[in-house]
Amino acid sequence: MRRRHPLQTAMKNLLNVWKPRSLRFRLTLGIATVSAVGLGGVAVWLGWTMESILISAHKDNVLYIAERMPNNIEIYQQMYPQPQALQKAVANMSRDNVFLWIENQQGKIIAQTGGLEELQPLPVSPKTANFPLPGISISEVNGRYWILCANPLSVNNQRIGELYIAQDISADQMMFLQVIRNLGVATVIAIGGMTVAGGIYIKRSLRPLQRICQLTESISAEHLGNTRIHLKQAPTEVKQLAERFDEMLLRLHRSWEQQRQFVSNVSHELRTPLTIVSGYLQSVQRRGSNLNEVQREALAMASSETDRTVQLLADLLTLARVDNGQMQFQLERVCLNEFVEQTIGLAEQYHDRPIHYKPLSHEVFVQVDRNRLKQVLLNLIDNAIKYSEPEQPITLSVEQKDEMGIISVRDRGMGIPLAQQTRIFERFYRVDEARSRSTGGTGLGLSIVKTLVEGMKGEIHVSSQLGKGTTFTVSFPIVD
């Protein structure tokens, strides 16, 4: 046998808990989506705002230097020659991580930040970075982040050259990226926490609905009048749903009772007149010596249909009595071996079909109602005879298994399709409609058998193969 991978098992268990179509899954997914959109949006906005503030501060610093530089040079020119004045102005405007240099119109550096000559080649230059002219831009050069500015430099309306400003913001940028990463991790954790907490809360909120589902699974037609849904600490809407459901069960119970009473009354009222009609028809058949063949066939058909209708009404009356709780079972200790043998003798009086019997070597005692069990066995024998060929025998056997006394009735008929074996005990259900009609079946025999067996605390099962026959097994607990 192929072993399932642990990951596959875990995924299967997860899908059983979180069914994609379940209300719990959809509500939790909704909470996760809203949390992700809300917190994610806040995180993005906060990051963008922080970056804007950081960059704006650095840009303002660079713009301040670019705007002040001509004035500073003009002041220093009043005291020093131009080359020395340019160097003094550049040194005065220098800041930490801010590099300044001035190039003349021939592209030669004529003034620069102190110590910059030791860093040749320059950490960032017009050749390695995209200096805007004029303007400010942010660029990444050699793995570091820079704010770059290049402006034409004129003093007293005299063009000196170009002023280049490069501010290293790598430390601030790295700190900003670390803050963004931490913010992202915190956002993911917050979304996960909100999703888990929301899932737990939703699960608890849906418990009343699960309770309703569990109660409805155990509701049967016989207990409609006594079934009520009692919920504690449930939301108002769920309580209203439970109240409406209780009212619906009460209406169904009343309708079911009216239907059963109607069936019982109709069956009782019609059985007597139809029995009289059947007796008259049989009497006419016996005494009608002057009837022609067509008349005899018509009377025979009418008598057959009348008998079939009387049997149908009798079956309906039996079921109605069981449904209304009016059928009483007189349980007593019975030896299955002897009882089955007596029932076979009774069945052989009405059928010419051979019936084989396989008894146990020792006696098996169960507690049943003799008359009801006899009705069950005769019904099963009659059913086996109807649905098997005339030359095929019927086999009955008594067994003992796991403290249960088992009676088996087997035929070698056409069998029952597997898809229909679960429905043969339903009322009015026929495997073969045409054949059931021709054999006089009403579709209630097996339903009555199941009802009587369960009324005696027993069980009935069927196993069948097409073309090989069908076996019905009736089992009851063994008594001492």
Protein backbone atom coordinates (compact mmCIF):
# COMPACT_ATOMS: atom_id res chain seq x y z
CA MET A 1 0.00 0.00 0.00
CA ARG A 2 1.41 3.39 -1.02
CA ARG A 3 2.06 5.68 1.93
CA ARG A 4 0.86 9.24 1.64
CA HIS A 5 3.42 11.99 2.03
CA PRO A 6 3.08 13.90 5.36
CA LEU A 7 2.70 17.16 3.45
CA GLN A 8 -0.21 15.70 1.47
CA THR A 9 -1.83 14.50 4.69
CA ALA A 10 -1.41 17.93 6.28
CA MET A 11 -2.88 19.65 3.22
CA LYS A 12 -5.85 17.27 3.24
CA ASN A 13 -6.51 17.93 6.94
CA LEU A 14 -6.20 21.67 6.33
CA LEU A 15 -8.73 21.51 3.48
CA ASN A 16 -11.12 19.52 5.69
CA VAL A 17 -10.95 22.29 8.30
CA TRP A 18 -10.86 25.21 5.88
CA LYS A 19 -13.28 24.24 3.16
CA PRO A 20 -13.05 26.84 0.38
CA ARG A 21 -16.83 27.06 0.05
CA SER A 22 -17.53 27.31 3.78
CA LEU A 23 -18.79 30.48 5.43
CA ARG A 24 -15.94 30.32 7.94
CA PHE A 25 -13.34 30.29 5.16
CA ARG A 26 -14.99 33.15 3.29
CA LEU A 27 -15.33 35.37 6.36
CA THR A 28 -11.75 34.68 7.42
CA LEU A 29 -10.54 35.37 3.89
CA GLY A 30 -12.51 38.63 3.97
CA ILE A 31 -10.86 39.67 7.25
CA ALA A 32 -7.43 38.78 5.86
CA THR A 33 -8.10 40.74 2.67
CA VAL A 34 -9.37 43.83 4.50
CA SER A 35 -6.45 43.64 6.94
CA ALA A 36 -3.94 43.28 4.13
CA VAL A 37 -5.42 46.15 2.13
CA GLY A 38 -5.83 48.42 5.18
CA LEU A 39 -2.53 47.77 6.95
CA GLY A 40 -0.66 47.43 3.67
CA GLY A 41 -2.02 50.77 2.51
CA VAL A 42 -1.04 52.41 5.79
CA ALA A 43 2.44 50.89 5.59
CA VAL A 44 2.92 52.06 1.99
CA TRP A 45 1.67 55.56 2.82
CA LEU A 46 3.85 55.74 5.91
CA GLY A 47 6.93 54.59 3.97
CA TRP A 48 6.29 57.04 1.17
CA THR A 49 5.81 59.87 3.67
CA MET A 50 8.99 59.01 5.54
CA GLU A 51 10.98 58.84 2.32
CA SER A 52 9.54 62.15 1.13
CA ILE A 53 10.48 63.84 4.42
CA LEU A 54 13.98 62.35 4.34
CA ILE A 55 14.66 63.26 0.72
CA SER A 56 13.11 66.70 1.08
CA ALA A 57 15.40 67.55 3.99
CA HIS A 58 18.49 66.57 2.00
CA LYS A 59 17.27 68.36 -1.11
CA ASP A 60 16.65 71.54 0.87
CA ASN A 61 20.20 71.35 2.17
CA VAL A 62 21.63 70.96 -1.34
CA LEU A 63 19.45 73.77 -2.71
CA TYR A 64 20.56 76.04 0.14
CA ILE A 65 24.21 75.42 -0.73
CA ALA A 66 23.58 76.02 -4.45
CA GLU A 67 21.73 79.27 -3.78
CA ARG A 68 24.24 80.64 -1.23
CA MET A 69 27.37 79.79 -3.15
CA PRO A 70 27.40 82.85 -5.53
CA ASN A 71 26.85 85.26 -2.62
CA ASN A 72 29.64 83.65 -0.57
CA ILE A 73 32.03 83.82 -3.52
CA GLU A 74 31.16 87.48 -4.05
CA ILE A 75 31.93 88.25 -0.39
CA TYR A 76 35.23 86.33 -0.40
CA GLN A 77 36.29 88.01 -3.69
CA GLN A 78 36.28 91.31 -1.85
CA MET A 79 39.02 89.97 0.40
CA TYR A 80 40.91 87.38 -1.68
CA PRO A 81 41.82 86.74 -5.26
CA GLN A 82 39.27 84.74 -7.22
CA PRO A 83 40.92 81.29 -6.99
CA GLN A 84 41.39 81.65 -3.24
CA ALA A 85 37.89 83.14 -2.87
CA LEU A 86 36.36 80.15 -4.67
CA GLN A 87 38.22 77.70 -2.41
CA LYS A 88 37.23 79.64 0.73
CA ALA A 89 33.56 79.66 -0.34
CA VAL A 90 33.58 75.92 -1.10
CA ALA A 91 35.23 75.13 2.25
CA ASN A 92 32.73 77.33 4.08
CA MET A 93 29.71 75.59 2.50
CA SER A 94 31.03 72.07 2.95
CA ARG A 95 29.13 69.71 5.27
CA ASP A 96 29.53 66.10 6.42
CA ASN A 97 29.10 63.72 3.45
CA VAL A 98 28.64 66.70 1.13
CA PHE A 99 31.20 67.04 -1.69
CA LEU A 100 31.49 70.27 -3.68
CA TRP A 101 33.72 71.24 -6.60
CA ILE A 102 33.76 73.92 -9.23
CA GLU A 103 34.82 73.34 -12.80
CA ASN A 104 35.73 76.17 -15.18
CA GLN A 105 34.39 76.35 -18.67
CA GLN A 106 37.27 74.15 -19.88
CA GLY A 107 36.19 71.33 -17.46
CA LYS A 108 39.10 71.80 -15.04
CA ILE A 109 38.46 71.68 -11.29
CA ILE A 110 39.38 75.07 -9.89
CA ALA A 111 38.00 74.61 -6.35
CA GLN A 112 36.88 71.63 -4.32
CA THR A 113 35.98 70.35 -0.86
CA GLY A 114 38.93 69.95 1.44
CA GLY A 115 40.45 66.47 1.23
CA LEU A 116 38.58 65.64 -1.94
CA GLU A 117 41.83 65.42 -3.85
CA GLU A 118 42.74 62.38 -1.72
CA LEU A 119 39.68 60.56 -2.99
CA GLN A 120 40.65 60.76 -6.66
CA PRO A 121 39.02 59.50 -8.66
CA LEU A 122 36.00 61.25 -7.20
CA PRO A 123 33.47 58.96 -5.46
CA VAL A 124 30.89 60.46 -7.78
CA SER A 125 31.57 62.64 -10.82
CA PRO A 126 29.77 63.78 -13.96
CA LYS A 127 31.32 60.78 -15.70
CA THR A 128 29.99 58.17 -13.24
CA ALA A 129 26.62 59.70 -12.38
CA ASN A 130 23.79 61.47 -14.11
CA PHE A 131 24.21 65.05 -12.89
CA PRO A 132 21.21 67.14 -13.93
CA LEU A 133 22.01 70.52 -15.37
CA PRO A 134 20.40 72.41 -13.79
CA GLY A 135 18.38 70.56 -11.09
CA ILE A 136 18.53 67.91 -8.40
CA SER A 137 18.30 64.12 -8.77
CA ILE A 138 18.86 60.97 -6.68
CA SER A 139 21.17 58.35 -8.08
CA GLU A 140 22.84 55.09 -7.01
CA VAL A 141 26.56 54.96 -7.80
CA ASN A 142 28.85 52.09 -6.80
CA GLY A 143 26.29 50.78 -4.32
CA ARG A 144 25.82 54.12 -2.56
CA TYR A 145 22.98 56.62 -2.73
CA TRP A 146 23.62 60.25 -3.68
CA ILE A 147 21.72 63.49 -4.08
CA LEU A 148 23.24 65.19 -7.10
CA CYS A 149 23.05 68.84 -8.16
CA ALA A 150 24.79 70.77 -10.98
CA ASN A 151 24.17 74.47 -11.54
CA PRO A 152 25.85 77.12 -13.71
CA LEU A 153 27.96 79.36 -11.46
CA SER A 154 27.98 83.11 -12.17
CA VAL A 155 29.33 85.88 -9.94
CA ASN A 156 28.66 89.54 -10.72
CA ASN A 157 27.18 88.45 -14.04
CA GLN A 158 30.46 86.80 -14.91
CA ARG A 159 30.29 83.10 -15.85
CA ILE A 160 32.84 81.16 -13.82
CA GLY A 161 31.87 77.58 -14.67
CA GLU A 162 29.76 74.79 -13.11
CA LEU A 163 29.05 74.09 -9.44
CA TYR A 164 28.72 70.38 -8.59
CA ILE A 165 27.22 69.20 -5.30
CA ALA A 166 27.05 65.52 -4.29
CA GLN A 167 25.64 64.52 -0.90
CA ASP A 168 26.08 60.95 0.30
CA ILE A 169 22.79 59.81 1.88
CA SER A 170 23.65 56.09 1.99
CA ALA A 171 23.50 55.88 5.79
CA ASP A 172 20.12 57.55 5.97
CA GLN A 173 18.88 55.49 3.03
CA MET A 174 20.01 52.24 4.63
CA MET A 175 18.36 53.23 7.87
CA PHE A 176 15.20 54.08 5.94
CA LEU A 177 15.25 50.69 4.13
CA GLN A 178 15.72 48.92 7.46
CA VAL A 179 12.75 50.80 8.89
CA ILE A 180 10.71 49.82 5.81
CA ARG A 181 11.71 46.17 6.20
CA ASN A 182 10.78 46.21 9.89
CA LEU A 183 7.52 47.93 9.03
CA GLY A 184 6.82 45.27 6.40
CA VAL A 185 7.52 42.43 8.83
CA ALA A 186 5.35 44.08 11.48
CA THR A 187 2.57 44.53 8.92
CA VAL A 188 2.72 40.86 7.89
CA ILE A 189 2.69 39.75 11.54
CA ALA A 190 -0.22 42.07 12.28
CA ILE A 191 -2.18 40.77 9.27
CA GLY A 192 -1.47 37.17 10.31
CA GLY A 193 -2.47 37.87 13.91
CA MET A 194 -5.69 39.60 12.87
CA THR A 195 -6.50 36.73 10.50
CA VAL A 196 -5.93 34.06 13.18
CA ALA A 197 -7.85 36.03 15.80
CA GLY A 198 -10.65 36.67 13.31
CA GLY A 199 -10.74 32.98 12.34
CA ILE A 200 -11.04 31.92 16.00
CA TYR A 201 -13.74 34.48 16.64
CA ILE A 202 -15.66 33.43 13.53
CA LYS A 203 -15.37 29.77 14.53
CA ARG A 204 -16.90 30.53 17.93
CA SER A 205 -19.58 32.69 16.35
CA LEU A 206 -20.56 29.88 13.97
CA ARG A 207 -20.89 27.25 16.70
CA PRO A 208 -24.66 27.86 17.07
CA LEU A 209 -25.08 27.18 13.33
CA GLN A 210 -23.02 24.00 13.65
CA ARG A 211 -25.23 23.01 16.57
CA ILE A 212 -28.30 23.49 14.38
CA CYS A 213 -26.72 21.29 11.68
CA GLN A 214 -25.98 18.54 14.21
CA LEU A 215 -29.54 18.64 15.52
CA THR A 216 -31.08 18.52 12.05
CA GLU A 217 -29.04 15.41 11.20
CA SER A 218 -30.73 13.51 14.03
CA ILE A 219 -34.28 14.65 13.23
CA SER A 220 -36.60 11.92 11.92
CA ALA A 221 -40.23 11.96 10.92
CA GLU A 222 -41.20 10.10 14.08
CA HIS A 223 -39.66 12.74 16.36
CA LEU A 224 -40.71 15.95 14.64
CA GLY A 225 -43.11 16.84 17.42
CA ASN A 226 -40.52 16.46 20.21
CA THR A 227 -37.49 18.01 18.53
CA ARG A 228 -36.52 21.53 19.53
CA ILE A 229 -33.37 23.55 19.02
CA HIS A 230 -32.06 25.00 22.28
CA LEU A 231 -29.18 27.45 21.92
CA LYS A 232 -27.31 29.24 24.68
CA GLN A 233 -25.37 32.45 24.22
CA ALA A 234 -26.18 32.62 20.54
CA PRO A 235 -26.47 35.85 18.53
CA THR A 236 -29.95 37.30 18.17
CA GLU A 237 -30.12 36.49 14.47
CA VAL A 238 -29.21 32.84 15.08
CA LYS A 239 -31.78 32.58 17.87
CA GLN A 240 -34.42 33.95 15.52
CA LEU A 241 -33.37 31.35 12.94
CA ALA A 242 -33.67 28.58 15.56
CA GLU A 243 -37.15 29.81 16.56
CA ARG A 244 -38.33 29.88 12.95
CA PHE A 245 -36.87 26.40 12.49
CA ASP A 246 -38.77 25.10 15.53
CA GLU A 247 -41.97 26.56 14.12
CA MET A 248 -41.28 24.85 10.80
CA LEU A 249 -40.73 21.51 12.57
CA LEU A 250 -44.03 21.92 14.37
CA ARG A 251 -45.85 22.60 11.10
CA LEU A 252 -44.17 19.59 9.49
CA HIS A 253 -45.16 17.45 12.47
CA ARG A 254 -48.79 18.50 12.15
CA SER A 255 -48.77 17.86 8.41
CA TRP A 256 -47.14 14.48 8.92
CA GLU A 257 -49.69 13.51 11.54
CA GLN A 258 -52.55 14.58 9.28
CA GLN A 259 -51.10 12.57 6.41
CA ARG A 260 -50.65 9.45 8.52
CA GLN A 261 -54.14 9.79 9.97
CA PHE A 262 -55.56 10.24 6.49
CA VAL A 263 -53.80 7.12 5.20
CA SER A 264 -54.97 5.13 8.20
CA ASN A 265 -58.59 6.29 7.82
CA VAL A 266 -58.70 5.71 4.07
CA SER A 267 -57.12 2.26 4.37
CA HIS A 268 -59.54 1.27 7.11
CA GLU A 269 -62.63 2.60 5.35
CA LEU A 270 -61.83 1.13 1.94
CA ARG A 271 -60.63 -2.29 3.00
CA THR A 272 -64.03 -3.54 4.16
CA PRO A 273 -66.05 -2.64 1.02
CA LEU A 274 -63.29 -3.89 -1.25
CA THR A 275 -63.17 -7.17 0.64
CA ILE A 276 -66.92 -7.52 0.10
CA VAL A 277 -66.52 -6.75 -3.60
CA SER A 278 -63.75 -9.35 -3.86
CA GLY A 279 -66.03 -11.93 -2.20
CA TYR A 280 -68.88 -11.18 -4.63
CA LEU A 281 -66.56 -11.46 -7.62
CA GLN A 282 -65.23 -14.83 -6.46
CA SER A 283 -68.80 -16.03 -5.84
CA VAL A 284 -69.87 -15.02 -9.34
CA GLN A 285 -66.84 -16.82 -10.78
CA ARG A 286 -67.72 -20.04 -8.95
CA ARG A 287 -71.43 -19.97 -9.84
CA GLY A 288 -71.31 -18.36 -13.26
CA SER A 289 -71.55 -21.52 -15.35
CA ASN A 290 -73.34 -19.63 -18.14
CA LEU A 291 -70.51 -17.02 -18.54
CA ASN A 292 -68.53 -16.96 -21.77
CA GLU A 293 -64.73 -16.88 -21.93
CA VAL A 294 -64.48 -13.09 -22.26
CA GLN A 295 -66.66 -12.55 -19.21
CA ARG A 296 -64.65 -15.07 -17.18
CA GLU A 297 -61.40 -13.31 -18.07
CA ALA A 298 -62.88 -9.93 -17.12
CA LEU A 299 -64.10 -11.28 -13.77
CA ALA A 300 -60.73 -12.92 -13.12
CA MET A 301 -58.89 -9.67 -13.82
CA ALA A 302 -61.31 -7.66 -11.67
CA SER A 303 -60.96 -10.16 -8.82
CA SER A 304 -57.14 -10.10 -9.10
CA GLU A 305 -56.98 -6.31 -9.05
CA THR A 306 -59.42 -6.19 -6.14
CA ASP A 307 -57.30 -8.62 -4.13
CA ARG A 308 -54.20 -6.60 -4.97
CA THR A 309 -55.91 -3.38 -3.81
CA VAL A 310 -57.07 -5.06 -0.59
CA GLN A 311 -53.50 -6.19 0.07
CA LEU A 312 -52.23 -2.67 -0.62
CA LEU A 313 -54.72 -1.23 1.85
CA ALA A 314 -53.74 -3.83 4.44
CA ASP A 315 -50.08 -2.92 4.01
CA LEU A 316 -50.87 0.79 4.27
CA LEU A 317 -52.90 0.18 7.42
CA THR A 318 -50.00 -1.77 8.92
CA LEU A 319 -47.56 1.04 8.21
CA ALA A 320 -50.02 3.63 9.51
CA ARG A 321 -50.35 1.74 12.77
CA VAL A 322 -46.58 1.56 13.13
CA ASP A 323 -46.22 5.28 12.38
CA ASN A 324 -48.89 6.16 14.91
CA GLY A 325 -47.35 3.94 17.54
CA GLN A 326 -50.46 1.74 17.70
CA MET A 327 -48.69 -1.51 16.82
CA GLN A 328 -47.69 -3.46 19.91
CA PHE A 329 -45.02 -6.14 19.88
CA GLN A 330 -45.48 -9.13 22.17
CA LEU A 331 -41.85 -10.11 22.64
CA GLU A 332 -41.07 -13.60 23.91
CA ARG A 333 -38.21 -16.08 23.91
CA VAL A 334 -38.27 -18.08 20.66
CA CYS A 335 -36.06 -20.86 19.32
CA LEU A 336 -35.10 -19.81 15.79
CA ASN A 337 -34.42 -23.35 14.57
CA GLU A 338 -37.90 -24.62 15.31
CA PHE A 339 -39.64 -21.37 14.37
CA VAL A 340 -38.05 -21.19 10.90
CA GLU A 341 -38.86 -24.84 10.28
CA GLN A 342 -42.54 -24.27 11.18
CA THR A 343 -42.69 -21.17 8.97
CA ILE A 344 -41.26 -23.12 6.01
CA GLY A 345 -43.96 -25.76 6.48
CA LEU A 346 -46.61 -23.02 6.41
CA ALA A 347 -45.11 -21.45 3.27
CA GLU A 348 -45.02 -24.79 1.45
CA GLN A 349 -48.80 -25.05 1.82
CA TYR A 350 -49.24 -22.00 -0.43
CA HIS A 351 -46.33 -22.49 -2.85
CA ASP A 352 -45.12 -25.50 -4.81
CA ARG A 353 -41.56 -24.12 -4.92
CA PRO A 354 -38.93 -26.27 -3.14
CA ILE A 355 -37.57 -24.60 -0.02
CA HIS A 356 -34.26 -25.82 1.40
CA TYR A 357 -33.46 -25.36 5.06
CA LYS A 358 -30.02 -25.33 6.70
CA PRO A 359 -30.43 -25.40 10.50
CA LEU A 360 -27.73 -25.04 13.12
CA SER A 361 -26.51 -28.02 15.11
CA HIS A 362 -27.50 -26.25 18.34
CA GLU A 363 -30.49 -24.19 19.32
CA VAL A 364 -30.46 -20.38 19.03
CA PHE A 365 -32.88 -18.33 21.13
CA VAL A 366 -33.92 -14.73 20.46
CA GLN A 367 -36.61 -12.44 21.84
CA VAL A 368 -39.18 -11.58 19.14
CA ASP A 369 -42.88 -11.35 18.41
CA ARG A 370 -43.88 -14.70 16.87
CA ASN A 371 -46.64 -13.34 14.66
CA ARG A 372 -44.57 -10.42 13.39
CA LEU A 373 -41.52 -12.55 12.70
CA LYS A 374 -43.72 -15.04 10.85
CA GLN A 375 -45.06 -12.17 8.75
CA VAL A 376 -41.48 -11.07 8.01
CA LEU A 377 -40.31 -14.53 6.91
CA LEU A 378 -43.40 -15.25 4.81
CA ASN A 379 -42.99 -11.89 3.12
CA LEU A 380 -39.32 -12.57 2.35
CA ILE A 381 -40.09 -16.07 1.07
CA ASP A 382 -42.91 -14.74 -1.11
CA ASN A 383 -40.60 -12.02 -2.44
CA ALA A 384 -37.90 -14.60 -3.26
CA ILE A 385 -40.41 -16.77 -5.12
CA LYS A 386 -41.72 -13.86 -7.16
CA TYR A 387 -38.28 -12.72 -8.34
CA SER A 388 -36.70 -16.06 -9.23
CA GLU A 389 -37.39 -18.71 -11.87
CA PRO A 390 -39.89 -21.51 -11.05
CA GLU A 391 -37.26 -24.29 -11.13
CA GLN A 392 -34.90 -22.49 -8.77
CA PRO A 393 -35.17 -23.41 -5.05
CA ILE A 394 -35.33 -21.02 -2.12
CA THR A 395 -32.81 -21.50 0.70
CA LEU A 396 -33.29 -20.58 4.36
CA SER A 397 -30.62 -20.94 7.02
CA VAL A 398 -30.07 -20.12 10.69
CA GLU A 399 -26.65 -18.98 11.92
CA GLN A 400 -25.03 -17.58 15.02
CA LYS A 401 -22.40 -14.84 14.75
CA ASP A 402 -21.10 -12.39 17.35
CA GLU A 403 -23.96 -13.01 19.81
CA MET A 404 -26.52 -12.52 17.05
CA GLY A 405 -29.04 -15.02 15.74
CA ILE A 406 -29.23 -14.67 11.93
CA ILE A 407 -31.90 -15.89 9.51
CA SER A 408 -30.95 -15.83 5.82
CA VAL A 409 -33.40 -16.08 2.90
CA ARG A 410 -31.67 -16.64 -0.43
CA ASP A 411 -32.94 -16.94 -3.96
CA ARG A 412 -31.16 -17.54 -7.28
CA GLY A 413 -33.08 -14.95 -9.24
CA MET A 414 -32.11 -11.98 -11.39
CA GLY A 415 -30.52 -10.01 -8.53
CA ILE A 416 -30.71 -6.33 -7.60
CA PRO A 417 -28.43 -3.64 -9.10
CA LEU A 418 -25.98 -2.21 -6.57
CA ALA A 419 -27.26 1.35 -7.03
CA GLN A 420 -30.80 0.24 -6.06
CA GLN A 421 -29.96 -1.94 -3.07
CA THR A 422 -30.05 1.05 -0.71
CA ARG A 423 -33.55 2.00 -1.84
CA ILE A 424 -35.43 -1.29 -1.86
CA PHE A 425 -36.71 -0.68 1.68
CA GLU A 426 -38.32 2.61 0.68
CA ARG A 427 -42.10 2.70 0.45
CA PHE A 428 -43.55 2.08 -3.02
CA TYR A 429 -40.09 1.57 -4.52
CA ARG A 430 -39.83 -1.23 -7.09
CA VAL A 431 -36.67 -2.50 -8.75
CA ASP A 432 -38.58 -3.72 -11.81
CA GLU A 433 -41.85 -1.78 -12.18
CA ALA A 434 -43.29 -3.99 -14.91
CA ARG A 435 -42.51 -7.28 -13.18
CA SER A 436 -43.73 -6.05 -9.80
CA ARG A 437 -47.02 -5.16 -11.37
CA SER A 438 -47.38 -8.57 -12.99
CA THR A 439 -46.52 -10.42 -9.76
CA GLY A 440 -48.96 -8.37 -7.72
CA GLY A 441 -46.37 -6.44 -5.75
CA THR A 442 -47.35 -3.18 -4.05
CA GLY A 443 -43.89 -1.84 -3.26
CA LEU A 444 -44.61 -1.91 0.47
CA GLY A 445 -43.60 -5.46 1.41
CA LEU A 446 -39.93 -4.83 2.15
CA SER A 447 -40.76 -1.54 3.85
CA ILE A 448 -43.10 -3.40 6.20
CA VAL A 449 -40.46 -6.09 6.78
CA LYS A 450 -37.85 -3.48 7.76
CA THR A 451 -40.35 -1.70 10.02
CA LEU A 452 -41.32 -4.90 11.82
CA VAL A 453 -37.72 -6.10 12.22
CA GLU A 454 -36.57 -2.78 13.67
CA GLY A 455 -39.64 -2.72 15.91
CA MET A 456 -38.35 -5.99 17.43
CA LYS A 457 -34.86 -4.47 17.94
CA GLY A 458 -33.42 -6.39 15.02
CA GLU A 459 -31.56 -5.56 11.82
CA ILE A 460 -32.09 -6.48 8.19
CA HIS A 461 -29.54 -6.37 5.36
CA VAL A 462 -29.43 -7.32 1.70
CA SER A 463 -26.64 -8.55 -0.54
CA SER A 464 -27.17 -9.27 -4.21
CA GLN A 465 -25.36 -9.93 -7.48
CA LEU A 466 -26.95 -9.56 -10.89
CA GLY A 467 -27.73 -12.94 -12.40
CA LYS A 468 -26.75 -14.84 -9.23
CA GLY A 469 -29.52 -14.00 -6.79
CA THR A 470 -30.28 -12.08 -3.61
CA THR A 471 -29.85 -12.83 0.09
CA PHE A 472 -31.80 -11.10 2.87
CA THR A 473 -30.41 -11.52 6.40
CA VAL A 474 -32.46 -10.79 9.52
CA SER A 475 -30.56 -10.71 12.82
CA PHE A 476 -31.63 -10.44 16.48
CA PRO A 477 -29.62 -10.44 19.71
CA ILE A 478 -29.31 -13.86 21.30
CA VAL A 479 -30.91 -14.37 24.72
CA ASP A 480 -30.20 -17.10 27.27
